Amino acid sequence: MVNLVDRLRKKEEEALVEVMNLYGNYLLRMAYLLVKDHQRAEEAVQDAFITAFKKINQLEKDALIKSWLTTITINHCRQQLRTWNYKHIIPNLEAVERLRDKDAATSPEAELLELEWNHHLTAAIHALDYKYREVITLFYFNELKIAEISALTNTKENTVKSRLKRAKEMLKASLIEKEDGTDGRKNANQETS
């Protein structure tokens, strides 16, 4: 890894391609969950790689390149949110499937159920406010620790913990409503009868 960062500092484009191949899918999955749009996610990741290539000398520890790229990508995602209205985006199931590294389902029925679950989960994540979407994505999909999320987002650890707890509660409620198939109306009707 150190050799790769040294090559980046020498502005070798082949080194940039290697870094893109190493971390591109990881960053793209994260960005998609944050910005809710495959095209915008690709744009944020491309901008992150360009920024990293230009500012590689700001990387203090070569071994931390992955977390440094993650931070840059998060910042570009935040910038995307400030400059574009995301309330009208419908989650694109095909984009989610392109981003996932999945094993083949054992049967068409199992694959269909998995697609449906992923659609509901993606829609539920996208319905969260950005601050909750960000911690859920970093914790569960990027498998970062609370301390790492705190450092990446420049947020206190206790704030990250409370956002994560609140996000899990909101996701659980949303998925239960979807499972009922009524968005909460079924329970209300049952109580009145």
Protein backbone atom coordinates (compact mmCIF):
# COMPACT_ATOMS: atom_id res chain seq x y z
CA MET A 1 0.00 0.00 0.00
CA VAL A 2 2.84 2.39 0.85
CA ASN A 3 4.33 1.89 -2.60
CA LEU A 4 0.95 2.70 -4.16
CA VAL A 5 0.62 5.95 -2.21
CA ASP A 6 4.19 6.91 -3.16
CA ARG A 7 3.28 6.35 -6.80
CA LEU A 8 0.20 8.53 -6.33
CA ARG A 9 2.39 11.27 -4.90
CA LYS A 10 4.50 11.03 -8.07
CA LYS A 11 1.21 11.58 -9.97
CA GLU A 12 1.27 8.21 -11.73
CA GLU A 13 -2.11 7.71 -13.37
CA GLU A 14 -1.69 3.92 -13.26
CA ALA A 15 -1.56 4.16 -9.45
CA LEU A 16 -4.84 6.10 -9.49
CA VAL A 17 -6.43 3.36 -11.60
CA GLU A 18 -5.23 0.77 -9.07
CA VAL A 19 -6.73 2.77 -6.19
CA MET A 20 -9.99 3.10 -8.11
CA ASN A 21 -10.07 -0.66 -8.68
CA LEU A 22 -9.30 -1.34 -5.02
CA TYR A 23 -11.83 1.02 -3.45
CA GLY A 24 -14.27 2.00 -6.19
CA ASN A 25 -17.04 -0.51 -5.46
CA TYR A 26 -16.77 0.03 -1.71
CA LEU A 27 -17.10 3.81 -2.09
CA LEU A 28 -19.83 3.53 -4.72
CA ARG A 29 -22.06 1.34 -2.51
CA MET A 30 -21.63 3.78 0.35
CA ALA A 31 -22.28 6.83 -1.83
CA TYR A 32 -25.40 5.26 -3.36
CA LEU A 33 -26.91 4.64 0.04
CA LEU A 34 -26.13 8.21 1.04
CA VAL A 35 -27.33 10.12 -2.03
CA LYS A 36 -30.09 7.76 -3.24
CA ASP A 37 -29.16 7.96 -6.90
CA HIS A 38 -26.71 5.78 -8.82
CA GLN A 39 -25.61 8.51 -11.23
CA ARG A 40 -25.03 11.04 -8.43
CA ALA A 41 -23.19 8.39 -6.40
CA GLU A 42 -20.87 7.70 -9.34
CA GLU A 43 -20.30 11.43 -9.69
CA ALA A 44 -19.45 11.81 -5.98
CA VAL A 45 -16.99 8.90 -6.11
CA GLN A 46 -15.33 10.19 -9.28
CA ASP A 47 -14.99 13.63 -7.71
CA ALA A 48 -13.55 11.99 -4.58
CA PHE A 49 -10.88 10.19 -6.60
CA ILE A 50 -9.98 13.39 -8.45
CA THR A 51 -9.75 15.30 -5.16
CA ALA A 52 -7.64 12.55 -3.61
CA PHE A 53 -5.29 12.49 -6.58
CA LYS A 54 -4.85 16.26 -6.45
CA LYS A 55 -4.42 16.39 -2.67
CA ILE A 56 -2.55 13.14 -2.04
CA ASN A 57 0.16 15.04 -0.18
CA GLN A 58 -2.39 15.82 2.55
CA LEU A 59 -2.62 12.13 3.43
CA GLU A 60 -0.63 11.93 6.67
CA LYS A 61 -0.44 8.16 7.10
CA ASP A 62 -0.26 6.03 3.97
CA ALA A 63 -1.99 3.09 5.66
CA LEU A 64 -5.11 5.23 6.21
CA ILE A 65 -5.85 5.77 2.54
CA LYS A 66 -9.17 3.87 2.68
CA SER A 67 -10.56 5.96 5.53
CA TRP A 68 -9.20 9.12 3.89
CA LEU A 69 -11.00 8.24 0.64
CA THR A 70 -14.15 7.47 2.65
CA THR A 71 -14.04 10.90 4.27
CA ILE A 72 -13.56 12.63 0.93
CA THR A 73 -16.46 10.66 -0.56
CA ILE A 74 -18.73 11.50 2.37
CA ASN A 75 -17.90 15.18 1.88
CA HIS A 76 -18.74 14.96 -1.82
CA CYS A 77 -22.02 13.21 -0.97
CA ARG A 78 -22.88 15.99 1.45
CA GLN A 79 -22.07 18.51 -1.27
CA GLN A 80 -24.40 16.64 -3.63
CA LEU A 81 -27.18 16.88 -1.06
CA ARG A 82 -26.71 20.62 -0.72
CA THR A 83 -26.85 21.18 -4.46
CA TRP A 84 -29.62 18.86 -5.57
CA ASN A 85 -33.17 18.08 -4.46
CA TYR A 86 -33.35 14.41 -3.42
CA LYS A 87 -36.97 14.31 -2.31
CA HIS A 88 -38.20 13.28 -5.75
CA ILE A 89 -35.90 10.32 -6.30
CA ILE A 90 -37.38 6.87 -6.43
CA PRO A 91 -34.90 4.19 -5.38
CA ASN A 92 -33.63 2.30 -8.40
CA LEU A 93 -33.67 -1.41 -7.62
CA GLU A 94 -31.51 -2.26 -10.64
CA ALA A 95 -28.80 0.08 -9.36
CA VAL A 96 -28.87 -1.61 -5.96
CA GLU A 97 -28.48 -4.98 -7.62
CA ARG A 98 -25.53 -3.80 -9.72
CA LEU A 99 -23.79 -2.60 -6.57
CA ARG A 100 -24.24 -5.73 -4.52
CA ASP A 101 -21.77 -8.57 -4.53
CA LYS A 102 -24.25 -11.36 -4.04
CA ASP A 103 -24.21 -15.08 -4.33
CA ALA A 104 -26.79 -16.66 -6.58
CA ALA A 105 -30.04 -17.47 -4.82
CA THR A 106 -30.90 -21.14 -4.46
CA SER A 107 -34.26 -20.76 -6.19
CA PRO A 108 -36.17 -18.15 -8.17
CA GLU A 109 -38.57 -17.76 -5.24
CA ALA A 110 -35.71 -17.13 -2.80
CA GLU A 111 -34.16 -14.66 -5.22
CA LEU A 112 -37.47 -12.81 -5.59
CA LEU A 113 -37.91 -12.62 -1.81
CA GLU A 114 -34.36 -11.32 -1.45
CA LEU A 115 -34.96 -8.68 -4.14
CA GLU A 116 -38.15 -7.58 -2.40
CA TRP A 117 -36.40 -7.38 0.99
CA ASN A 118 -33.50 -5.38 -0.50
CA HIS A 119 -35.97 -3.02 -2.16
CA HIS A 120 -37.77 -2.41 1.14
CA LEU A 121 -34.52 -2.00 3.04
CA THR A 122 -33.10 0.43 0.48
CA ALA A 123 -36.34 2.43 0.44
CA ALA A 124 -36.38 2.53 4.26
CA ILE A 125 -32.76 3.71 4.39
CA HIS A 126 -33.45 6.36 1.76
CA ALA A 127 -36.43 7.62 3.77
CA LEU A 128 -34.16 8.47 6.71
CA ASP A 129 -32.73 11.96 7.19
CA TYR A 130 -29.17 12.22 5.94
CA LYS A 131 -27.57 12.18 9.40
CA TYR A 132 -29.21 8.82 10.15
CA ARG A 133 -28.62 7.42 6.66
CA GLU A 134 -24.95 8.29 7.01
CA VAL A 135 -24.35 6.42 10.30
CA ILE A 136 -26.37 3.37 9.20
CA THR A 137 -24.42 3.16 5.95
CA LEU A 138 -21.03 3.58 7.59
CA PHE A 139 -21.77 1.18 10.46
CA TYR A 140 -23.57 -1.66 8.69
CA PHE A 141 -22.53 -1.49 5.06
CA ASN A 142 -18.98 -0.18 5.47
CA GLU A 143 -18.55 -2.05 8.77
CA LEU A 144 -16.85 0.87 10.50
CA LYS A 145 -16.58 1.17 14.26
CA ILE A 146 -18.22 4.01 16.21
CA ALA A 147 -14.85 5.70 16.74
CA GLU A 148 -14.07 5.52 13.02
CA ILE A 149 -17.46 6.98 12.11
CA SER A 150 -16.91 9.73 14.67
CA ALA A 151 -13.55 10.60 13.12
CA LEU A 152 -14.83 10.42 9.53
CA THR A 153 -17.88 12.59 10.15
CA ASN A 154 -16.26 14.91 12.68
CA THR A 155 -19.02 14.06 15.17
CA LYS A 156 -18.80 13.07 18.83
CA GLU A 157 -18.94 9.33 19.53
CA ASN A 158 -22.02 9.69 21.75
CA THR A 159 -23.79 11.56 18.96
CA VAL A 160 -22.92 8.76 16.53
CA LYS A 161 -24.25 6.18 19.01
CA SER A 162 -27.52 8.04 19.54
CA ARG A 163 -28.01 8.59 15.80
CA LEU A 164 -27.31 4.92 15.16
CA LYS A 165 -29.81 3.87 17.83
CA ARG A 166 -32.46 6.25 16.50
CA ALA A 167 -31.82 5.16 12.90
CA LYS A 168 -32.22 1.48 13.83
CA GLU A 169 -35.51 2.26 15.60
CA MET A 170 -36.82 4.15 12.57
CA LEU A 171 -35.73 1.40 10.17
CA LYS A 172 -37.33 -1.27 12.31
CA ALA A 173 -40.62 0.65 12.46
CA SER A 174 -40.56 1.27 8.73
CA LEU A 175 -39.83 -2.35 7.86
CA ILE A 176 -42.53 -3.61 10.23
CA GLU A 177 -45.03 -1.29 8.54
CA LYS A 178 -43.96 -2.63 5.13
CA GLU A 179 -44.26 -6.20 6.38
CA ASP A 180 -47.82 -5.49 7.52
CA GLY A 181 -48.40 -4.13 4.03
CA THR A 182 -50.50 -1.30 5.32
CA ASP A 183 -48.13 1.37 6.56
CA GLY A 184 -49.77 1.24 9.96
CA ARG A 185 -53.43 1.29 8.80
CA LYS A 186 -53.93 -2.43 9.46
CA ASN A 187 -53.22 -2.06 13.17
CA ALA A 188 -55.51 0.95 13.47
CA ASN A 189 -58.38 -0.90 11.77
CA GLN A 190 -57.88 -3.94 13.96
CA GLU A 191 -58.07 -1.84 17.11
CA THR A 192 -61.37 -0.25 16.11
CA SER A 193 -63.10 -3.55 15.28
